PDB file of N, CA and C in Angstrom:
ATOM      1  N   MET A   1     -13.352   4.322   4.725  1.00  0.00           N
ATOM      2  CA  MET A   1     -14.422   5.052   4.090  1.00  0.00           C
ATOM      3  C   MET A   1     -15.763   4.375   4.374  1.00  0.00           C
ATOM      4  N   PHE A   2     -15.787   3.035   4.332  1.00  0.00           N
ATOM      5  CA  PHE A   2     -17.062   2.346   4.447  1.00  0.00           C
ATOM      6  C   PHE A   2     -17.747   2.572   5.790  1.00  0.00           C
ATOM      7  N   SER A   3     -16.985   2.765   6.837  1.00  0.00           N
ATOM      8  CA  SER A   3     -17.599   3.033   8.144  1.00  0.00           C
ATOM      9  C   SER A   3     -18.357   4.356   8.136  1.00  0.00           C
ATOM     10  N   GLU A   4     -17.962   5.276   7.269  1.00  0.00           N
ATOM     11  CA  GLU A   4     -18.634   6.572   7.186  1.00  0.00           C
ATOM     12  C   GLU A   4     -20.066   6.456   6.672  1.00  0.00           C
ATOM     13  N   PHE A   5     -20.352   5.387   5.936  1.00  0.00           N
ATOM     14  CA  PHE A   5     -21.716   5.201   5.444  1.00  0.00           C
ATOM     15  C   PHE A   5     -22.701   4.942   6.584  1.00  0.00           C
ATOM     16  N   LEU A   6     -22.184   4.629   7.769  1.00  0.00           N
ATOM     17  CA  LEU A   6     -23.036   4.385   8.929  1.00  0.00           C
ATOM     18  C   LEU A   6     -23.267   5.656   9.738  1.00  0.00           C
ATOM     19  N   GLN A   7     -22.622   6.744   9.356  1.00  0.00           N
ATOM     20  CA  GLN A   7     -22.733   7.997  10.101  1.00  0.00           C
ATOM     21  C   GLN A   7     -24.013   8.747   9.726  1.00  0.00           C
ATOM     22  N   GLY A   8     -24.485   9.551  10.652  1.00  0.00           N
ATOM     23  CA  GLY A   8     -25.629  10.417  10.395  1.00  0.00           C
ATOM     24  C   GLY A   8     -26.968   9.705  10.546  1.00  0.00           C
ATOM     25  N   GLY A   9     -27.987  10.493  10.784  1.00  0.00           N
ATOM     26  CA  GLY A   9     -29.331   9.953  10.963  1.00  0.00           C
ATOM     27  C   GLY A   9     -30.178  10.024   9.702  1.00  0.00           C
ATOM     28  N   THR A  10     -29.683  10.761   8.698  1.00  0.00           N
ATOM     29  CA  THR A  10     -30.412  10.886   7.434  1.00  0.00           C
ATOM     30  C   THR A  10     -29.455  10.558   6.294  1.00  0.00           C
ATOM     31  N   LEU A  11     -30.034  10.365   5.132  1.00  0.00           N
ATOM     32  CA  LEU A  11     -29.218  10.096   3.962  1.00  0.00           C
ATOM     33  C   LEU A  11     -28.284  11.268   3.666  1.00  0.00           C
ATOM     34  N   ALA A  12     -28.777  12.478   3.819  1.00  0.00           N
ATOM     35  CA  ALA A  12     -27.954  13.666   3.573  1.00  0.00           C
ATOM     36  C   ALA A  12     -26.770  13.729   4.533  1.00  0.00           C
ATOM     37  N   GLU A  13     -26.986  13.386   5.818  1.00  0.00           N
ATOM     38  CA  GLU A  13     -25.897  13.385   6.800  1.00  0.00           C
ATOM     39  C   GLU A  13     -24.880  12.288   6.477  1.00  0.00           C
ATOM     40  N   CYS A  14     -25.372  11.165   6.021  1.00  0.00           N
ATOM     41  CA  CYS A  14     -24.488  10.065   5.616  1.00  0.00           C
ATOM     42  C   CYS A  14     -23.608  10.515   4.453  1.00  0.00           C
ATOM     43  N   TYR A  15     -24.223  11.102   3.432  1.00  0.00           N
ATOM     44  CA  TYR A  15     -23.465  11.579   2.274  1.00  0.00           C
ATOM     45  C   TYR A  15     -22.471  12.662   2.666  1.00  0.00           C
ATOM     46  N   ALA A  16     -22.830  13.511   3.621  1.00  0.00           N
ATOM     47  CA  ALA A  16     -21.921  14.567   4.075  1.00  0.00           C
ATOM     48  C   ALA A  16     -20.697  13.946   4.742  1.00  0.00           C
ATOM     49  N   ALA A  17     -20.887  12.905   5.541  1.00  0.00           N
ATOM     50  CA  ALA A  17     -19.771  12.235   6.213  1.00  0.00           C
ATOM     51  C   ALA A  17     -18.848  11.567   5.190  1.00  0.00           C
ATOM     52  N   VAL A  18     -19.435  10.900   4.216  1.00  0.00           N
ATOM     53  CA  VAL A  18     -18.642  10.245   3.165  1.00  0.00           C
ATOM     54  C   VAL A  18     -17.942  11.299   2.311  1.00  0.00           C
ATOM     55  N   GLY A  19     -18.636  12.374   2.005  1.00  0.00           N
ATOM     56  CA  GLY A  19     -18.051  13.451   1.214  1.00  0.00           C
ATOM     57  C   GLY A  19     -16.870  14.107   1.907  1.00  0.00           C
ATOM     58  N   ALA A  20     -16.916  14.208   3.229  1.00  0.00           N
ATOM     59  CA  ALA A  20     -15.807  14.794   3.978  1.00  0.00           C
ATOM     60  C   ALA A  20     -14.547  13.945   3.827  1.00  0.00           C
ATOM     61  N   VAL A  21     -14.713  12.626   3.856  1.00  0.00           N
ATOM     62  CA  VAL A  21     -13.566  11.737   3.677  1.00  0.00           C
ATOM     63  C   VAL A  21     -13.039  11.858   2.241  1.00  0.00           C
ATOM     64  N   ALA A  22     -13.946  11.868   1.276  1.00  0.00           N
ATOM     65  CA  ALA A  22     -13.533  11.999  -0.125  1.00  0.00           C
ATOM     66  C   ALA A  22     -12.788  13.313  -0.340  1.00  0.00           C
ATOM     67  N   ASN A  23     -13.274  14.388   0.266  1.00  0.00           N
ATOM     68  CA  ASN A  23     -12.600  15.688   0.129  1.00  0.00           C
ATOM     69  C   ASN A  23     -11.208  15.662   0.747  1.00  0.00           C
ATOM     70  N   ARG A  24     -11.057  14.955   1.852  1.00  0.00           N
ATOM     71  CA  ARG A  24      -9.739  14.831   2.494  1.00  0.00           C
ATOM     72  C   ARG A  24      -8.753  14.146   1.537  1.00  0.00           C
ATOM     73  N   TRP A  25      -9.204  13.076   0.879  1.00  0.00           N
ATOM     74  CA  TRP A  25      -8.334  12.365  -0.055  1.00  0.00           C
ATOM     75  C   TRP A  25      -8.042  13.202  -1.296  1.00  0.00           C
ATOM     76  N   LEU A  26      -9.026  13.946  -1.772  1.00  0.00           N
ATOM     77  CA  LEU A  26      -8.780  14.833  -2.916  1.00  0.00           C
ATOM     78  C   LEU A  26      -7.763  15.916  -2.564  1.00  0.00           C
ATOM     79  N   ASP A  27      -7.894  16.473  -1.357  1.00  0.00           N
ATOM     80  CA  ASP A  27      -6.926  17.474  -0.903  1.00  0.00           C
ATOM     81  C   ASP A  27      -5.527  16.872  -0.833  1.00  0.00           C
ATOM     82  N   LEU A  28      -5.433  15.650  -0.344  1.00  0.00           N
ATOM     83  CA  LEU A  28      -4.146  14.964  -0.255  1.00  0.00           C
ATOM     84  C   LEU A  28      -3.520  14.814  -1.637  1.00  0.00           C
ATOM     85  N   LEU A  29      -4.344  14.429  -2.617  1.00  0.00           N
ATOM     86  CA  LEU A  29      -3.847  14.277  -3.983  1.00  0.00           C
ATOM     87  C   LEU A  29      -3.475  15.628  -4.597  1.00  0.00           C
ATOM     88  N   ASP A  30      -4.343  16.622  -4.408  1.00  0.00           N
ATOM     89  CA  ASP A  30      -4.096  17.941  -4.996  1.00  0.00           C
ATOM     90  C   ASP A  30      -2.823  18.595  -4.464  1.00  0.00           C
ATOM     91  N   THR A  31      -2.544  18.409  -3.189  1.00  0.00           N
ATOM     92  CA  THR A  31      -1.376  19.046  -2.576  1.00  0.00           C
ATOM     93  C   THR A  31      -0.145  18.141  -2.586  1.00  0.00           C
ATOM     94  N   HIS A  32      -0.296  16.954  -3.151  1.00  0.00           N
ATOM     95  CA  HIS A  32       0.798  15.981  -3.192  1.00  0.00           C
ATOM     96  C   HIS A  32       1.310  15.657  -1.791  1.00  0.00           C
ATOM     97  N   GLY A  33       0.415  15.729  -0.802  1.00  0.00           N
ATOM     98  CA  GLY A  33       0.768  15.367   0.567  1.00  0.00           C
ATOM     99  C   GLY A  33       1.706  16.329   1.260  1.00  0.00           C
ATOM    100  N   ILE A  34       1.749  17.576   0.799  1.00  0.00           N
ATOM    101  CA  ILE A  34       2.696  18.550   1.343  1.00  0.00           C
ATOM    102  C   ILE A  34       2.489  18.818   2.832  1.00  0.00           C
ATOM    103  N   ASP A  35       1.268  18.664   3.321  1.00  0.00           N
ATOM    104  CA  ASP A  35       0.974  18.946   4.724  1.00  0.00           C
ATOM    105  C   ASP A  35       1.201  17.741   5.635  1.00  0.00           C
ATOM    106  N   LEU A  36       1.663  16.641   5.078  1.00  0.00           N
ATOM    107  CA  LEU A  36       1.864  15.429   5.865  1.00  0.00           C
ATOM    108  C   LEU A  36       3.322  15.273   6.264  1.00  0.00           C
ATOM    109  N   SER A  37       3.530  14.658   7.409  1.00  0.00           N
ATOM    110  CA  SER A  37       4.899  14.299   7.780  1.00  0.00           C
ATOM    111  C   SER A  37       5.330  13.136   6.891  1.00  0.00           C
ATOM    112  N   ASP A  38       6.625  12.914   6.792  1.00  0.00           N
ATOM    113  CA  ASP A  38       7.123  11.802   5.985  1.00  0.00           C
ATOM    114  C   ASP A  38       6.536  10.478   6.461  1.00  0.00           C
ATOM    115  N   ARG A  39       6.470  10.289   7.758  1.00  0.00           N
ATOM    116  CA  ARG A  39       5.939   9.052   8.328  1.00  0.00           C
ATOM    117  C   ARG A  39       4.468   8.844   7.950  1.00  0.00           C
ATOM    118  N   GLU A  40       3.685   9.909   8.049  1.00  0.00           N
ATOM    119  CA  GLU A  40       2.265   9.814   7.715  1.00  0.00           C
ATOM    120  C   GLU A  40       2.076   9.532   6.224  1.00  0.00           C
ATOM    121  N   LEU A  41       2.842  10.203   5.377  1.00  0.00           N
ATOM    122  CA  LEU A  41       2.753   9.975   3.939  1.00  0.00           C
ATOM    123  C   LEU A  41       3.115   8.533   3.600  1.00  0.00           C
ATOM    124  N   LEU A  42       4.194   8.029   4.172  1.00  0.00           N
ATOM    125  CA  LEU A  42       4.581   6.643   3.919  1.00  0.00           C
ATOM    126  C   LEU A  42       3.522   5.660   4.393  1.00  0.00           C
ATOM    127  N   SER A  43       2.829   5.984   5.472  1.00  0.00           N
ATOM    128  CA  SER A  43       1.778   5.070   5.934  1.00  0.00           C
ATOM    129  C   SER A  43       0.631   4.988   4.931  1.00  0.00           C
ATOM    130  N   TYR A  44       0.414   6.039   4.172  1.00  0.00           N
ATOM    131  CA  TYR A  44      -0.644   6.042   3.160  1.00  0.00           C
ATOM    132  C   TYR A  44      -0.247   5.329   1.874  1.00  0.00           C
ATOM    133  N   ILE A  45       1.027   5.389   1.516  1.00  0.00           N
ATOM    134  CA  ILE A  45       1.425   4.876   0.203  1.00  0.00           C
ATOM    135  C   ILE A  45       2.270   3.606   0.264  1.00  0.00           C
ATOM    136  N   SER A  46       2.422   3.029   1.437  1.00  0.00           N
ATOM    137  CA  SER A  46       3.236   1.818   1.533  1.00  0.00           C
ATOM    138  C   SER A  46       2.419   0.654   2.078  1.00  0.00           C
ATOM    139  N   GLU A  47       2.950  -0.507   1.873  1.00  0.00           N
ATOM    140  CA  GLU A  47       2.341  -1.745   2.351  1.00  0.00           C
ATOM    141  C   GLU A  47       3.415  -2.549   3.054  1.00  0.00           C
ATOM    142  N   SER A  48       2.986  -3.449   3.877  1.00  0.00           N
ATOM    143  CA  SER A  48       3.909  -4.325   4.574  1.00  0.00           C
ATOM    144  C   SER A  48       3.246  -5.684   4.730  1.00  0.00           C
ATOM    145  N   SER A  49       4.015  -6.721   4.524  1.00  0.00           N
ATOM    146  CA  SER A  49       3.501  -8.071   4.743  1.00  0.00           C
ATOM    147  C   SER A  49       4.654  -8.980   5.121  1.00  0.00           C
ATOM    148  N   THR A  50       4.336  -9.998   5.880  1.00  0.00           N
ATOM    149  CA  THR A  50       5.327 -10.982   6.288  1.00  0.00           C
ATOM    150  C   THR A  50       5.019 -12.275   5.564  1.00  0.00           C
ATOM    151  N   MET A  51       6.020 -12.817   4.914  1.00  0.00           N
ATOM    152  CA  MET A  51       5.828 -14.027   4.122  1.00  0.00           C
ATOM    153  C   MET A  51       5.965 -15.253   5.029  1.00  0.00           C
ATOM    154  N   SER A  52       4.968 -16.118   5.010  1.00  0.00           N
ATOM    155  CA  SER A  52       4.949 -17.275   5.898  1.00  0.00           C
ATOM    156  C   SER A  52       5.849 -18.402   5.413  1.00  0.00           C
ATOM    157  N   LYS A  53       6.240 -18.360   4.147  1.00  0.00           N
ATOM    158  CA  LYS A  53       7.115 -19.381   3.573  1.00  0.00           C
ATOM    159  C   LYS A  53       8.348 -18.709   2.985  1.00  0.00           C
ATOM    160  N   ALA A  54       9.331 -19.519   2.666  1.00  0.00           N
ATOM    161  CA  ALA A  54      10.510 -19.001   1.961  1.00  0.00           C
ATOM    162  C   ALA A  54      10.097 -18.583   0.557  1.00  0.00           C
ATOM    163  N   VAL A  55      10.791 -17.621  -0.003  1.00  0.00           N
ATOM    164  CA  VAL A  55      10.453 -17.094  -1.336  1.00  0.00           C
ATOM    165  C   VAL A  55      10.378 -18.219  -2.367  1.00  0.00           C
ATOM    166  N   ALA A  56      11.314 -19.140  -2.345  1.00  0.00           N
ATOM    167  CA  ALA A  56      11.360 -20.233  -3.329  1.00  0.00           C
ATOM    168  C   ALA A  56      10.117 -21.116  -3.260  1.00  0.00           C
ATOM    169  N   GLU A  57       9.510 -21.228  -2.091  1.00  0.00           N
ATOM    170  CA  GLU A  57       8.328 -22.082  -1.923  1.00  0.00           C
ATOM    171  C   GLU A  57       7.079 -21.526  -2.620  1.00  0.00           C
ATOM    172  N   TYR A  58       7.092 -20.268  -2.968  1.00  0.00           N
ATOM    173  CA  TYR A  58       5.940 -19.665  -3.642  1.00  0.00           C
ATOM    174  C   TYR A  58       5.908 -19.980  -5.134  1.00  0.00           C
ATOM    175  N   GLY A  59       7.004 -20.474  -5.683  1.00  0.00           N
ATOM    176  CA  GLY A  59       7.047 -20.856  -7.090  1.00  0.00           C
ATOM    177  C   GLY A  59       6.700 -19.709  -8.010  1.00  0.00           C
ATOM    178  N   ASP A  60       5.731 -19.947  -8.891  1.00  0.00           N
ATOM    179  CA  ASP A  60       5.331 -18.937  -9.880  1.00  0.00           C
ATOM    180  C   ASP A  60       4.186 -18.051  -9.407  1.00  0.00           C
ATOM    181  N   ARG A  61       3.760 -18.204  -8.159  1.00  0.00           N
ATOM    182  CA  ARG A  61       2.681 -17.349  -7.652  1.00  0.00           C
ATOM    183  C   ARG A  61       3.107 -15.894  -7.709  1.00  0.00           C
ATOM    184  N   LYS A  62       2.125 -15.014  -7.838  1.00  0.00           N
ATOM    185  CA  LYS A  62       2.417 -13.595  -7.937  1.00  0.00           C
ATOM    186  C   LYS A  62       1.670 -12.838  -6.849  1.00  0.00           C
ATOM    187  N   SER A  63       2.344 -11.917  -6.250  1.00  0.00           N
ATOM    188  CA  SER A  63       1.765 -10.960  -5.313  1.00  0.00           C
ATOM    189  C   SER A  63       2.774  -9.831  -5.169  1.00  0.00           C
ATOM    190  N   SER A  64       2.356  -8.745  -4.590  1.00  0.00           N
ATOM    191  CA  SER A  64       3.283  -7.622  -4.398  1.00  0.00           C
ATOM    192  C   SER A  64       4.438  -8.023  -3.494  1.00  0.00           C
ATOM    193  N   ALA A  65       4.144  -8.769  -2.423  1.00  0.00           N
ATOM    194  CA  ALA A  65       5.198  -9.178  -1.492  1.00  0.00           C
ATOM    195  C   ALA A  65       6.194 -10.124  -2.157  1.00  0.00           C
ATOM    196  N   ILE A  66       5.702 -11.074  -2.937  1.00  0.00           N
ATOM    197  CA  ILE A  66       6.591 -12.019  -3.610  1.00  0.00           C
ATOM    198  C   ILE A  66       7.476 -11.293  -4.620  1.00  0.00           C
ATOM    199  N   THR A  67       6.882 -10.412  -5.404  1.00  0.00           N
ATOM    200  CA  THR A  67       7.656  -9.639  -6.368  1.00  0.00           C
ATOM    201  C   THR A  67       8.704  -8.785  -5.665  1.00  0.00           C
ATOM    202  N   THR A  68       8.323  -8.152  -4.558  1.00  0.00           N
ATOM    203  CA  THR A  68       9.262  -7.347  -3.787  1.00  0.00           C
ATOM    204  C   THR A  68      10.418  -8.198  -3.287  1.00  0.00           C
ATOM    205  N   ALA A  69      10.104  -9.371  -2.732  1.00  0.00           N
ATOM    206  CA  ALA A  69      11.146 -10.262  -2.213  1.00  0.00           C
ATOM    207  C   ALA A  69      12.090 -10.718  -3.324  1.00  0.00           C
ATOM    208  N   LYS A  70      11.535 -11.057  -4.486  1.00  0.00           N
ATOM    209  CA  LYS A  70      12.374 -11.499  -5.600  1.00  0.00           C
ATOM    210  C   LYS A  70      13.270 -10.369  -6.091  1.00  0.00           C
ATOM    211  N   ARG A  71      12.761  -9.163  -6.124  1.00  0.00           N
ATOM    212  CA  ARG A  71      13.585  -8.022  -6.558  1.00  0.00           C
ATOM    213  C   ARG A  71      14.644  -7.686  -5.512  1.00  0.00           C
ATOM    214  N   MET A  72      14.288  -7.846  -4.242  1.00  0.00           N
ATOM    215  CA  MET A  72      15.282  -7.647  -3.188  1.00  0.00           C
ATOM    216  C   MET A  72      16.404  -8.671  -3.331  1.00  0.00           C
ATOM    217  N   ALA A  73      16.050  -9.907  -3.694  1.00  0.00           N
ATOM    218  CA  ALA A  73      17.050 -10.965  -3.880  1.00  0.00           C
ATOM    219  C   ALA A  73      17.983 -10.620  -5.032  1.00  0.00           C
ATOM    220  N   GLN A  74      17.455 -10.031  -6.093  1.00  0.00           N
ATOM    221  CA  GLN A  74      18.301  -9.632  -7.224  1.00  0.00           C
ATOM    222  C   GLN A  74      19.297  -8.563  -6.796  1.00  0.00           C
ATOM    223  N   PHE A  75      18.858  -7.694  -5.913  1.00  0.00           N
ATOM    224  CA  PHE A  75      19.687  -6.578  -5.478  1.00  0.00           C
ATOM    225  C   PHE A  75      20.647  -6.967  -4.350  1.00  0.00           C
ATOM    226  N   LEU A  76      20.122  -7.685  -3.354  1.00  0.00           N
ATOM    227  CA  LEU A  76      20.903  -8.008  -2.158  1.00  0.00           C
ATOM    228  C   LEU A  76      21.540  -9.390  -2.172  1.00  0.00           C
ATOM    229  N   GLY A  77      21.038 -10.246  -3.061  1.00  0.00           N
ATOM    230  CA  GLY A  77      21.515 -11.627  -3.106  1.00  0.00           C
ATOM    231  C   GLY A  77      20.486 -12.576  -2.506  1.00  0.00           C
ATOM    232  N   ASP A  78      20.413 -13.767  -3.070  1.00  0.00           N
ATOM    233  CA  ASP A  78      19.427 -14.762  -2.633  1.00  0.00           C
ATOM    234  C   ASP A  78      19.554 -15.114  -1.157  1.00  0.00           C
ATOM    235  N   GLU A  79      20.754 -15.102  -0.652  1.00  0.00           N
ATOM    236  CA  GLU A  79      21.000 -15.501   0.738  1.00  0.00           C
ATOM    237  C   GLU A  79      20.265 -14.600   1.737  1.00  0.00           C
ATOM    238  N   ARG A  80      20.085 -13.342   1.395  1.00  0.00           N
ATOM    239  CA  ARG A  80      19.450 -12.367   2.299  1.00  0.00           C
ATOM    240  C   ARG A  80      17.949 -12.560   2.424  1.00  0.00           C
ATOM    241  N   VAL A  81      17.317 -13.212   1.455  1.00  0.00           N
ATOM    242  CA  VAL A  81      15.846 -13.332   1.466  1.00  0.00           C
ATOM    243  C   VAL A  81      15.381 -14.783   1.416  1.00  0.00           C
ATOM    244  N   LYS A  82      16.234 -15.719   1.772  1.00  0.00           N
ATOM    245  CA  LYS A  82      15.906 -17.135   1.588  1.00  0.00           C
ATOM    246  C   LYS A  82      14.975 -17.699   2.669  1.00  0.00           C
ATOM    247  N   ASP A  83      14.952 -17.150   3.852  1.00  0.00           N
ATOM    248  CA  ASP A  83      14.213 -17.729   4.966  1.00  0.00           C
ATOM    249  C   ASP A  83      12.740 -17.324   4.971  1.00  0.00           C
ATOM    250  N   LYS A  84      11.924 -18.163   5.612  1.00  0.00           N
ATOM    251  CA  LYS A  84      10.522 -17.788   5.786  1.00  0.00           C
ATOM    252  C   LYS A  84      10.449 -16.700   6.855  1.00  0.00           C
ATOM    253  N   GLY A  85       9.334 -15.990   6.876  1.00  0.00           N
ATOM    254  CA  GLY A  85       9.169 -14.907   7.830  1.00  0.00           C
ATOM    255  C   GLY A  85       9.734 -13.582   7.363  1.00  0.00           C
ATOM    256  N   LEU A  86      10.067 -13.503   6.084  1.00  0.00           N
ATOM    257  CA  LEU A  86      10.624 -12.275   5.523  1.00  0.00           C
ATOM    258  C   LEU A  86       9.579 -11.161   5.586  1.00  0.00           C
ATOM    259  N   ALA A  87       9.948 -10.037   6.137  1.00  0.00           N
ATOM    260  CA  ALA A  87       9.061  -8.877   6.195  1.00  0.00           C
ATOM    261  C   ALA A  87       9.327  -8.017   4.972  1.00  0.00           C
ATOM    262  N   CYS A  88       8.315  -7.845   4.136  1.00  0.00           N
ATOM    263  CA  CYS A  88       8.440  -7.027   2.929  1.00  0.00           C
ATOM    264  C   CYS A  88       7.705  -5.717   3.146  1.00  0.00           C
ATOM    265  N   ASN A  89       8.436  -4.627   3.036  1.00  0.00           N
ATOM    266  CA  ASN A  89       7.863  -3.293   3.102  1.00  0.00           C
ATOM    267  C   ASN A  89       8.101  -2.642   1.759  1.00  0.00           C
ATOM    268  N   TYR A  90       7.068  -2.124   1.158  1.00  0.00           N
ATOM    269  CA  TYR A  90       7.222  -1.548  -0.167  1.00  0.00           C
ATOM    270  C   TYR A  90       6.280  -0.383  -0.356  1.00  0.00           C
ATOM    271  N   VAL A  91       6.697   0.527  -1.235  1.00  0.00           N
ATOM    272  CA  VAL A  91       5.895   1.698  -1.576  1.00  0.00           C
ATOM    273  C   VAL A  91       5.080   1.363  -2.813  1.00  0.00           C
ATOM    274  N   VAL A  92       3.796   1.636  -2.750  1.00  0.00           N
ATOM    275  CA  VAL A  92       2.902   1.382  -3.870  1.00  0.00           C
ATOM    276  C   VAL A  92       2.929   2.613  -4.764  1.00  0.00           C
ATOM    277  N   SER A  93       3.226   2.409  -6.043  1.00  0.00           N
ATOM    278  CA  SER A  93       3.275   3.533  -6.969  1.00  0.00           C
ATOM    279  C   SER A  93       2.641   3.121  -8.295  1.00  0.00           C
ATOM    280  N   VAL A  94       2.364   4.115  -9.096  1.00  0.00           N
ATOM    281  CA  VAL A  94       1.760   3.884 -10.403  1.00  0.00           C
ATOM    282  C   VAL A  94       2.702   4.439 -11.451  1.00  0.00           C
ATOM    283  N   CYS A  95       2.962   3.645 -12.443  1.00  0.00           N
ATOM    284  CA  CYS A  95       3.812   4.068 -13.536  1.00  0.00           C
ATOM    285  C   CYS A  95       2.926   4.746 -14.589  1.00  0.00           C
ATOM    286  N   ALA A  96       3.318   5.926 -15.013  1.00  0.00           N
ATOM    287  CA  ALA A  96       2.514   6.683 -15.974  1.00  0.00           C
ATOM    288  C   ALA A  96       2.468   6.033 -17.342  1.00  0.00           C
ATOM    289  N   SER A  97       3.549   5.380 -17.735  1.00  0.00           N
ATOM    290  CA  SER A  97       3.548   4.706 -19.023  1.00  0.00           C
ATOM    291  C   SER A  97       4.049   3.280 -18.818  1.00  0.00           C
ATOM    292  N   PRO A  98       3.396   2.313 -19.443  1.00  0.00           N
ATOM    293  CA  PRO A  98       3.805   0.920 -19.250  1.00  0.00           C
ATOM    294  C   PRO A  98       5.218   0.698 -19.786  1.00  0.00           C
ATOM    295  N   GLN A  99       5.957  -0.133 -19.059  1.00  0.00           N
ATOM    296  CA  GLN A  99       7.311  -0.461 -19.499  1.00  0.00           C
ATOM    297  C   GLN A  99       7.272  -1.766 -20.275  1.00  0.00           C
ATOM    298  N   VAL A 100       8.057  -1.820 -21.303  1.00  0.00           N
ATOM    299  CA  VAL A 100       8.077  -2.992 -22.164  1.00  0.00           C
ATOM    300  C   VAL A 100       9.182  -3.925 -21.744  1.00  0.00           C
TER     301      VAL A 100
END
């Protein structure tokens, strides 16, 4: 989005370029991504990171990748996620109501 602020020769043209991007995202939200392929939708709502250390070396630090790795370990077993270089791919979502 930020690169769009450099578009256009006038302030109005700049705002039009930024507004076009905002409208695209609003359309995506309004239609729940119905016009997107599964791959394209996943690229918008997922993240990926590679952990440079083993999960245990992060201790109590918190991040999406660390949390994902720890939850994967609960599901798959510690042995599957023990090494450094673990690639964590996860879908970013919002919970409507907080869980206790």
